[in-house]
Amino acid sequence: MSAREDGGELDSLYRRVTIRIVPFLFIAYVVAIIDRINIGFAQLHMRSELGFSDAVYGLGAGIFYLGYVVFQVPSNVLLRKIGARKTFARILLVWGAASMAMSTVRTPEMLYFLRFLLGTFEAGFFPGIILYLTYWFPASRRARATSWLFVAVTLSGIIGSVASGAIMQYFNGVLGLSNWQWLFVLEGVPAVLLGVIARSVVADSPNDVRWLSSDEKKMLAEDLQLESRRESAAPNHSFLSMLANQKILALIAVYFTLSCGAMAISFWLPIMVNSAGSGSMLKTGLFSAFPYVVGMFGVALIARHSDRRNERRFHYAICIISAGVAMGLLPAFTGNLPAILVLLCVGVTGTFAAFPIFWSVPHRFLSDKTAAAGLALVSCLGQIGGFVSPVTIGWIKSVTGRMDNGLYALSGVMVLGGIGMVFILRSSSESVPQRGQPLPGGKPENLP
């Protein structure tokens, strides 16, 4: 078989895998992000009704990530032992229940507890997906597959903004519940339903599916072995030694800056749009959706371009630095809704396009045996930024009455993260071995 024919068969095979594997993960991740950030809309009425300050809200929004961080690594290790089907079903069911329980919040302590619980229950879902995709896609194709998750993030911003705005507009007082209570109840139900469905639609590995022939499973396994052989040349770190590895620590720091930006946008975007003069709750939802519409197309196009060029560091740096600059310019256009929306479009697109590029990088510094724990380690420690960012901005806004200094600090952190990625990858090869090309060490890979 010629290389062209072989490549054509592989392309067709990976298209089938994508169609079968990605849609459920895509939908579930849309629901996950909506349940994680819908507090950004709920707080528009929740804070005044319950008497919560910006500092209380910021801590409540951010404390999600403490539970999220603590339980990511154990969840990812458990996924490897018991499989993705049981793990994803468990996660979806319990986080859906916790999201619905948010409707019972009455005190700051209840807010903190339930947000922590939500983070604990959702922990492991995203790093689990990243690990799960390594069972199906080699690194050279993984950024494109992973990019769908971040298209899901932007789509969740669209769906969540419109749905949340409509619920907040029309459900206030229905059956004696406030609009923010209905928001948590109605947007928690889909996760529970998906948890039930997961047991039927998620396969633990390519060997467990009936829609691949034995020859296709063999071809997929051989192609994935190329990456395993390349990664076997990487140091086989123990879990503790990874904490002392400079490259891994640098990646954690970069992911921290990225998480800071993403969470600031997710939790504070509705209030920025509302403060700019958007009008009713429904209009706030519609205007808040616009940056995510732009971002959805940007994420897919930028990730595809990064894959096509097989280049990561400058794609990442341009995305996150432009987003950081846009966030830093927001205070200069307070009250100017069109300008705010343009800057938020740049911020959303740059930030969320950086995610799939970032997650195509850590594997080159991890061996096959340490991938599960290593990916979770980078994710969970980096996501501390998701706690720091909303808490810091909420505290600054509560003390000063303005978000300006918080946004300036956020801008600087994001720019530093972009510069950091350039230095991390400066000494690392951007290329990934293809079929028939020499592997590390000069040994050619001979496949039929």
Protein backbone atom coordinates (compact mmCIF):
# COMPACT_ATOMS: atom_id res chain seq x y z
CA MET A 1 0.00 0.00 0.00
CA SER A 2 1.38 3.44 -0.94
CA ALA A 3 1.96 6.13 1.65
CA ARG A 4 -0.75 8.22 0.01
CA GLU A 5 -3.27 5.38 0.12
CA ASP A 6 -2.24 4.56 3.68
CA GLY A 7 -2.60 8.20 4.69
CA GLY A 8 -6.00 8.37 3.00
CA GLU A 9 -7.21 5.33 4.92
CA LEU A 10 -5.96 6.83 8.17
CA ASP A 11 -7.69 10.12 7.45
CA SER A 12 -10.94 8.27 6.80
CA LEU A 13 -10.48 6.17 9.94
CA TYR A 14 -9.88 9.19 12.16
CA ARG A 15 -12.90 10.96 10.68
CA ARG A 16 -15.04 7.99 11.74
CA VAL A 17 -13.47 7.96 15.20
CA THR A 18 -14.13 11.69 15.54
CA ILE A 19 -17.77 11.33 14.51
CA ARG A 20 -18.31 8.49 16.98
CA ILE A 21 -16.28 9.73 19.97
CA VAL A 22 -16.34 13.51 19.97
CA PRO A 23 -20.09 14.44 19.84
CA PHE A 24 -21.01 13.03 23.27
CA LEU A 25 -17.92 14.56 24.86
CA PHE A 26 -18.75 17.83 23.11
CA ILE A 27 -22.33 17.95 24.40
CA ALA A 28 -21.33 16.91 27.92
CA TYR A 29 -18.63 19.56 28.05
CA VAL A 30 -21.08 22.23 26.89
CA VAL A 31 -23.29 21.27 29.84
CA ALA A 32 -20.30 21.19 32.21
CA ILE A 33 -19.24 24.72 31.35
CA ILE A 34 -22.80 26.06 31.58
CA ASP A 35 -23.20 24.54 35.06
CA ARG A 36 -19.79 25.86 36.10
CA ILE A 37 -20.26 29.49 35.02
CA ASN A 38 -24.03 30.08 35.22
CA ILE A 39 -23.35 31.69 38.59
CA GLY A 40 -22.11 34.63 36.49
CA PHE A 41 -25.72 35.28 35.43
CA ALA A 42 -27.35 34.16 38.67
CA GLN A 43 -25.34 36.75 40.61
CA LEU A 44 -27.05 39.62 38.76
CA HIS A 45 -30.09 39.03 41.05
CA MET A 46 -28.76 36.49 43.55
CA ARG A 47 -26.33 38.92 45.19
CA SER A 48 -28.93 41.63 45.81
CA GLU A 49 -31.61 39.17 46.98
CA LEU A 50 -29.30 37.41 49.42
CA GLY A 51 -27.21 40.45 50.32
CA PHE A 52 -23.89 39.04 49.03
CA SER A 53 -21.00 41.43 48.32
CA ASP A 54 -18.70 41.22 45.28
CA ALA A 55 -16.07 39.66 47.52
CA VAL A 56 -18.50 36.93 48.66
CA TYR A 57 -19.49 36.27 45.05
CA GLY A 58 -15.88 36.17 43.88
CA LEU A 59 -14.96 33.66 46.60
CA GLY A 60 -18.05 31.58 45.86
CA ALA A 61 -17.26 31.53 42.15
CA GLY A 62 -13.62 30.69 42.70
CA ILE A 63 -13.93 28.12 45.48
CA PHE A 64 -15.26 25.69 42.88
CA TYR A 65 -11.64 25.23 41.82
CA LEU A 66 -10.41 24.14 45.23
CA GLY A 67 -12.52 20.98 45.05
CA TYR A 68 -11.73 20.72 41.36
CA VAL A 69 -7.98 20.79 42.01
CA VAL A 70 -7.91 18.34 44.92
CA PHE A 71 -9.78 15.52 43.18
CA GLN A 72 -8.56 15.73 39.57
CA VAL A 73 -5.54 13.46 39.94
CA PRO A 74 -7.35 10.67 41.85
CA SER A 75 -10.19 10.78 39.33
CA ASN A 76 -7.83 10.45 36.35
CA VAL A 77 -5.96 7.56 37.96
CA LEU A 78 -9.31 5.89 38.70
CA LEU A 79 -10.40 6.36 35.08
CA ARG A 80 -7.37 4.39 33.95
CA LYS A 81 -8.31 1.55 36.32
CA ILE A 82 -12.10 1.31 35.87
CA GLY A 83 -12.55 2.89 32.44
CA ALA A 84 -14.09 6.01 30.95
CA ARG A 85 -17.66 4.69 30.78
CA LYS A 86 -18.15 4.34 34.55
CA THR A 87 -16.07 7.41 35.34
CA PHE A 88 -17.93 9.79 33.02
CA ALA A 89 -21.33 8.46 34.09
CA ARG A 90 -20.50 8.99 37.76
CA ILE A 91 -19.17 12.50 37.22
CA LEU A 92 -22.16 13.65 35.17
CA LEU A 93 -24.75 12.33 37.60
CA VAL A 94 -23.31 13.81 40.77
CA TRP A 95 -22.36 17.20 39.34
CA GLY A 96 -25.85 17.58 37.86
CA ALA A 97 -27.35 16.98 41.30
CA ALA A 98 -24.94 19.46 42.92
CA SER A 99 -25.75 22.09 40.30
CA MET A 100 -29.47 21.79 40.97
CA ALA A 101 -28.80 22.01 44.72
CA MET A 102 -27.34 25.49 44.19
CA SER A 103 -30.95 26.70 44.09
CA THR A 104 -31.12 26.18 47.88
CA VAL A 105 -28.34 28.69 48.72
CA ARG A 106 -29.30 31.18 51.43
CA THR A 107 -26.03 32.08 53.16
CA PRO A 108 -22.42 32.64 52.07
CA GLU A 109 -21.45 29.40 53.81
CA MET A 110 -24.00 27.44 51.75
CA LEU A 111 -22.68 29.10 48.59
CA TYR A 112 -19.11 28.15 49.43
CA PHE A 113 -20.00 24.57 50.36
CA LEU A 114 -22.09 23.82 47.29
CA ARG A 115 -19.63 25.45 44.89
CA PHE A 116 -16.82 23.42 46.48
CA LEU A 117 -18.98 20.29 46.16
CA LEU A 118 -19.71 21.05 42.50
CA GLY A 119 -15.98 21.37 41.82
CA THR A 120 -15.28 18.14 43.68
CA PHE A 121 -17.87 16.23 41.67
CA GLU A 122 -16.81 17.66 38.31
CA ALA A 123 -13.10 17.11 39.03
CA GLY A 124 -11.56 14.69 36.59
CA PHE A 125 -13.99 15.31 33.74
CA PHE A 126 -11.77 17.55 31.64
CA PRO A 127 -8.42 15.81 32.37
CA GLY A 128 -10.30 12.54 31.90
CA ILE A 129 -11.37 13.63 28.43
CA ILE A 130 -7.81 14.69 27.60
CA LEU A 131 -6.53 11.27 28.72
CA TYR A 132 -9.38 9.49 26.93
CA LEU A 133 -8.52 11.20 23.64
CA THR A 134 -4.97 9.80 23.86
CA TYR A 135 -6.56 6.34 23.52
CA TRP A 136 -7.99 7.34 20.14
CA PHE A 137 -5.78 10.03 18.57
CA PRO A 138 -1.99 10.51 18.14
CA ALA A 139 -0.47 13.88 19.08
CA SER A 140 -0.37 15.06 15.45
CA ARG A 141 -4.18 14.87 15.29
CA ARG A 142 -5.07 15.57 18.89
CA ALA A 143 -5.13 19.38 18.81
CA ARG A 144 -7.91 19.28 16.24
CA ALA A 145 -9.88 16.73 18.27
CA THR A 146 -9.26 18.67 21.48
CA SER A 147 -10.26 21.91 19.76
CA TRP A 148 -13.85 20.67 19.70
CA LEU A 149 -13.87 20.85 23.49
CA PHE A 150 -13.04 24.52 23.29
CA VAL A 151 -15.55 25.07 20.56
CA ALA A 152 -17.85 23.54 23.19
CA VAL A 153 -16.65 26.16 25.67
CA THR A 154 -17.57 28.96 23.30
CA LEU A 155 -20.85 27.26 22.34
CA SER A 156 -21.68 26.92 26.03
CA GLY A 157 -21.15 30.66 26.29
CA ILE A 158 -23.68 31.19 23.49
CA ILE A 159 -26.28 28.70 24.73
CA GLY A 160 -25.70 29.53 28.38
CA SER A 161 -25.91 33.29 27.85
CA VAL A 162 -29.12 33.16 25.84
CA ALA A 163 -30.75 30.48 28.03
CA SER A 164 -29.67 32.14 31.27
CA GLY A 165 -30.84 35.55 30.10
CA ALA A 166 -34.24 34.12 29.12
CA ILE A 167 -34.63 32.22 32.42
CA MET A 168 -33.67 35.31 34.40
CA GLN A 169 -36.12 37.39 32.36
CA TYR A 170 -39.19 35.14 32.39
CA PHE A 171 -39.00 32.69 35.33
CA ASN A 172 -38.87 35.05 38.28
CA GLY A 173 -41.60 34.08 40.78
CA VAL A 174 -42.76 30.96 38.91
CA LEU A 175 -43.94 28.43 41.51
CA GLY A 176 -42.56 30.73 44.19
CA LEU A 177 -38.94 30.42 43.09
CA SER A 178 -36.65 33.30 42.13
CA ASN A 179 -35.24 33.45 38.61
CA TRP A 180 -31.72 32.54 39.78
CA GLN A 181 -33.10 29.43 41.51
CA TRP A 182 -34.78 28.31 38.29
CA LEU A 183 -31.48 28.93 36.52
CA PHE A 184 -29.67 26.35 38.63
CA VAL A 185 -32.51 23.80 38.52
CA LEU A 186 -33.15 23.90 34.78
CA GLU A 187 -29.48 23.98 33.79
CA GLY A 188 -28.57 21.10 36.13
CA VAL A 189 -31.04 18.60 34.62
CA PRO A 190 -29.11 17.91 31.35
CA ALA A 191 -26.03 16.66 33.24
CA VAL A 192 -28.12 14.08 35.09
CA LEU A 193 -29.67 12.86 31.82
CA LEU A 194 -26.26 12.63 30.14
CA GLY A 195 -24.97 10.60 33.10
CA VAL A 196 -27.63 7.99 32.42
CA ILE A 197 -26.86 7.98 28.69
CA ALA A 198 -23.08 7.69 29.22
CA ARG A 199 -23.32 4.05 30.30
CA SER A 200 -24.64 3.19 26.85
CA VAL A 201 -22.63 5.40 24.49
CA VAL A 202 -19.11 5.65 25.97
CA ALA A 203 -16.60 2.89 25.12
CA ASP A 204 -13.53 2.38 27.29
CA SER A 205 -11.13 1.81 24.36
CA PRO A 206 -11.06 1.13 20.58
CA ASN A 207 -11.04 -2.61 21.29
CA ASP A 208 -14.49 -2.35 22.94
CA VAL A 209 -16.42 -0.93 19.97
CA ARG A 210 -18.29 -2.81 17.25
CA TRP A 211 -18.19 -0.03 14.67
CA LEU A 212 -14.48 -0.68 13.91
CA SER A 213 -13.36 -3.79 12.04
CA SER A 214 -10.43 -5.84 13.32
CA ASP A 215 -8.23 -4.40 10.54
CA GLU A 216 -9.23 -0.85 11.49
CA LYS A 217 -8.47 -1.52 15.15
CA LYS A 218 -5.06 -2.85 14.13
CA MET A 219 -4.33 0.18 11.95
CA LEU A 220 -5.37 2.53 14.75
CA ALA A 221 -3.20 0.67 17.29
CA GLU A 222 -0.17 0.79 14.98
CA ASP A 223 -0.55 4.50 14.38
CA LEU A 224 -0.90 5.20 18.10
CA GLN A 225 2.25 3.15 18.76
CA LEU A 226 4.27 5.75 16.87
CA GLU A 227 3.51 8.23 19.62
CA SER A 228 4.15 5.69 22.38
CA ARG A 229 7.61 4.97 20.98
CA ARG A 230 8.39 8.66 20.71
CA GLU A 231 7.18 9.27 24.26
CA SER A 232 9.19 6.33 25.58
CA ALA A 233 12.29 8.46 24.88
CA ALA A 234 10.97 11.01 27.41
CA PRO A 235 12.06 10.59 31.03
CA ASN A 236 9.79 8.15 32.87
CA HIS A 237 9.12 10.50 35.80
CA SER A 238 7.59 9.31 39.01
CA PHE A 239 4.66 11.41 40.17
CA LEU A 240 6.76 13.20 42.83
CA SER A 241 9.65 13.79 40.46
CA MET A 242 7.28 15.54 38.05
CA LEU A 243 6.83 18.23 40.69
CA ALA A 244 10.57 18.96 40.39
CA ASN A 245 10.68 18.84 36.57
CA GLN A 246 11.30 22.35 35.24
CA LYS A 247 9.37 21.89 32.00
CA ILE A 248 6.32 20.51 33.77
CA LEU A 249 6.42 23.24 36.40
CA ALA A 250 6.70 25.84 33.65
CA LEU A 251 3.68 24.35 31.89
CA ILE A 252 1.74 24.50 35.16
CA ALA A 253 2.65 28.19 35.49
CA VAL A 254 1.54 28.92 31.92
CA TYR A 255 -1.72 27.05 32.45
CA PHE A 256 -2.25 29.06 35.64
CA THR A 257 -2.15 32.29 33.61
CA LEU A 258 -4.50 30.84 31.00
CA SER A 259 -6.96 29.72 33.69
CA CYS A 260 -6.88 33.20 35.22
CA GLY A 261 -7.97 34.72 31.93
CA ALA A 262 -10.62 32.14 31.11
CA MET A 263 -12.30 32.30 34.50
CA ALA A 264 -12.26 36.09 34.64
CA ILE A 265 -14.07 36.18 31.31
CA SER A 266 -16.53 33.43 32.22
CA PHE A 267 -17.55 34.78 35.62
CA TRP A 268 -17.45 38.54 35.00
CA LEU A 269 -18.50 38.88 31.33
CA PRO A 270 -22.25 39.20 32.09
CA ILE A 271 -21.70 41.96 34.62
CA MET A 272 -19.33 43.80 32.25
CA VAL A 273 -21.94 43.67 29.50
CA ASN A 274 -24.74 44.62 31.89
CA SER A 275 -22.73 47.56 33.27
CA ALA A 276 -22.07 48.80 29.73
CA GLY A 277 -25.80 49.43 29.28
CA SER A 278 -27.17 46.27 27.69
CA GLY A 279 -30.65 46.76 29.17
CA SER A 280 -32.91 43.86 30.21
CA MET A 281 -31.75 40.44 31.38
CA LEU A 282 -32.65 38.96 27.99
CA LYS A 283 -30.63 41.61 26.15
CA THR A 284 -27.73 41.06 28.53
CA GLY A 285 -27.87 37.36 27.62
CA LEU A 286 -27.98 38.06 23.89
CA PHE A 287 -25.13 40.57 23.98
CA SER A 288 -23.08 38.26 26.23
CA ALA A 289 -23.48 35.50 23.64
CA PHE A 290 -21.96 37.57 20.82
CA PRO A 291 -18.26 37.26 21.85
CA TYR A 292 -18.74 33.50 22.13
CA VAL A 293 -20.22 33.33 18.61
CA VAL A 294 -17.08 34.98 17.25
CA GLY A 295 -14.89 32.85 19.49
CA MET A 296 -16.49 29.58 18.39
CA PHE A 297 -15.31 30.04 14.81
CA GLY A 298 -11.96 31.46 15.90
CA VAL A 299 -11.13 28.48 18.11
CA ALA A 300 -11.75 25.96 15.31
CA LEU A 301 -9.83 27.94 12.67
CA ILE A 302 -6.82 28.72 14.84
CA ALA A 303 -6.48 25.13 16.12
CA ARG A 304 -6.71 23.80 12.57
CA HIS A 305 -4.04 26.24 11.40
CA SER A 306 -1.80 25.25 14.32
CA ASP A 307 -2.18 21.56 13.43
CA ARG A 308 -1.56 22.21 9.72
CA ARG A 309 1.65 24.13 10.45
CA ASN A 310 2.54 21.80 13.33
CA GLU A 311 3.49 24.92 15.28
CA ARG A 312 2.43 25.63 18.85
CA ARG A 313 4.46 28.28 20.65
CA PHE A 314 3.78 31.31 18.47
CA HIS A 315 0.16 30.35 17.86
CA TYR A 316 -0.29 30.17 21.63
CA ALA A 317 1.63 33.37 22.35
CA ILE A 318 -0.25 35.45 19.78
CA CYS A 319 -3.61 34.18 21.04
CA ILE A 320 -3.06 34.78 24.75
CA ILE A 321 -1.13 38.04 24.45
CA SER A 322 -3.80 39.59 22.20
CA ALA A 323 -6.47 38.43 24.66
CA GLY A 324 -4.54 39.92 27.58
CA VAL A 325 -4.15 43.26 25.84
CA ALA A 326 -7.87 43.31 25.05
CA MET A 327 -8.77 42.67 28.70
CA GLY A 328 -6.43 45.45 29.79
CA LEU A 329 -8.14 47.91 27.44
CA LEU A 330 -11.65 47.24 28.78
CA PRO A 331 -11.55 49.92 31.53
CA ALA A 332 -10.81 52.60 28.91
CA PHE A 333 -14.20 51.97 27.26
CA THR A 334 -16.51 51.76 30.29
CA GLY A 335 -20.10 52.42 29.19
CA ASN A 336 -19.28 51.99 25.48
CA LEU A 337 -21.13 48.76 24.68
CA PRO A 338 -19.90 48.33 21.05
CA ALA A 339 -16.25 48.79 22.08
CA ILE A 340 -16.68 46.47 25.07
CA LEU A 341 -18.14 43.77 22.80
CA VAL A 342 -15.27 44.08 20.29
CA LEU A 343 -12.67 43.75 23.06
CA LEU A 344 -14.53 40.81 24.58
CA CYS A 345 -14.58 39.13 21.15
CA VAL A 346 -10.78 39.39 21.03
CA GLY A 347 -10.50 38.24 24.65
CA VAL A 348 -12.80 35.23 24.24
CA THR A 349 -11.30 34.13 20.90
CA GLY A 350 -7.68 34.46 22.00
CA THR A 351 -8.18 32.84 25.40
CA PHE A 352 -10.20 29.83 24.32
CA ALA A 353 -8.20 29.25 21.12
CA ALA A 354 -5.11 28.96 23.35
CA PHE A 355 -6.53 25.95 25.22
CA PRO A 356 -6.38 23.26 22.48
CA ILE A 357 -2.93 24.50 21.47
CA PHE A 358 -1.74 24.23 25.06
CA TRP A 359 -3.09 20.71 25.53
CA SER A 360 -1.21 19.42 22.49
CA VAL A 361 2.06 20.25 24.29
CA PRO A 362 2.34 18.43 27.70
CA HIS A 363 2.45 14.93 26.17
CA ARG A 364 5.91 15.54 24.73
CA PHE A 365 7.29 15.86 28.26
CA LEU A 366 5.50 12.78 29.64
CA SER A 367 5.99 9.08 29.06
CA ASP A 368 3.07 6.76 28.40
CA LYS A 369 3.15 5.48 31.99
CA THR A 370 3.02 8.96 33.54
CA ALA A 371 0.53 10.55 31.09
CA ALA A 372 -2.55 10.01 33.26
CA ALA A 373 -1.11 11.53 36.43
CA GLY A 374 0.97 14.10 34.56
CA LEU A 375 -1.93 15.56 32.60
CA ALA A 376 -4.05 15.75 35.72
CA LEU A 377 -1.17 17.37 37.62
CA VAL A 378 -0.76 20.12 35.02
CA SER A 379 -4.51 20.62 34.85
CA CYS A 380 -5.26 20.67 38.57
CA LEU A 381 -2.37 22.88 39.69
CA GLY A 382 -2.76 25.21 36.73
CA GLN A 383 -6.46 25.57 37.46
CA ILE A 384 -5.67 27.19 40.78
CA GLY A 385 -5.78 30.26 38.56
CA GLY A 386 -9.50 29.64 38.30
CA PHE A 387 -9.71 30.23 42.05
CA VAL A 388 -7.29 33.15 42.27
CA SER A 389 -8.71 35.19 39.38
CA PRO A 390 -12.39 35.63 40.39
CA VAL A 391 -11.53 35.93 44.08
CA THR A 392 -8.96 38.66 43.43
CA ILE A 393 -11.13 40.62 41.01
CA GLY A 394 -14.15 40.27 43.32
CA TRP A 395 -12.14 41.56 46.28
CA ILE A 396 -10.77 44.50 44.27
CA LYS A 397 -14.24 45.38 43.00
CA SER A 398 -15.71 45.12 46.51
CA VAL A 399 -13.03 47.42 47.97
CA THR A 400 -12.78 50.00 45.18
CA GLY A 401 -16.17 49.69 43.48
CA ARG A 402 -14.37 49.20 40.12
CA MET A 403 -12.75 46.31 38.26
CA ASP A 404 -10.01 48.39 36.59
CA ASN A 405 -7.00 47.34 38.68
CA GLY A 406 -8.10 43.71 38.57
CA LEU A 407 -8.29 43.78 34.78
CA TYR A 408 -4.88 45.45 34.50
CA ALA A 409 -3.33 42.74 36.68
CA LEU A 410 -5.10 40.05 34.67
CA SER A 411 -3.77 41.55 31.42
CA GLY A 412 -0.21 41.44 32.70
CA VAL A 413 -0.52 37.84 33.89
CA MET A 414 -1.86 36.69 30.51
CA VAL A 415 0.89 38.45 28.56
CA LEU A 416 3.53 36.84 30.79
CA GLY A 417 1.96 33.44 30.13
CA GLY A 418 2.24 33.93 26.37
CA ILE A 419 5.89 34.92 26.65
CA GLY A 420 6.50 31.94 28.95
CA MET A 421 5.23 29.43 26.39
CA VAL A 422 7.64 30.80 23.77
CA PHE A 423 10.58 30.06 26.10
CA ILE A 424 9.27 26.64 27.17
CA LEU A 425 9.06 25.38 23.59
CA ARG A 426 12.11 27.19 22.25
CA SER A 427 14.34 24.15 22.82
CA SER A 428 11.68 21.56 21.97
CA SER A 429 11.07 20.24 18.49
CA GLU A 430 7.71 21.26 17.07
CA SER A 431 7.53 18.24 14.80
CA VAL A 432 5.78 14.97 15.51
CA PRO A 433 7.02 11.81 13.75
CA GLN A 434 4.84 10.67 10.89
CA ARG A 435 4.46 7.19 9.48
CA GLY A 436 7.66 6.15 7.71
CA GLN A 437 9.76 8.93 9.26
CA PRO A 438 12.65 8.24 11.66
CA LEU A 439 11.71 8.14 15.30
CA PRO A 440 13.88 9.60 18.06
CA GLY A 441 17.23 7.82 18.11
CA GLY A 442 17.29 7.44 14.33
CA LYS A 443 15.45 4.13 14.17
CA PRO A 444 13.10 4.06 11.16
CA GLU A 445 9.54 2.98 11.66
CA ASN A 446 8.57 0.31 9.13
CA LEU A 447 4.85 -0.28 8.80
CA PRO A 448 3.05 -2.21 6.08
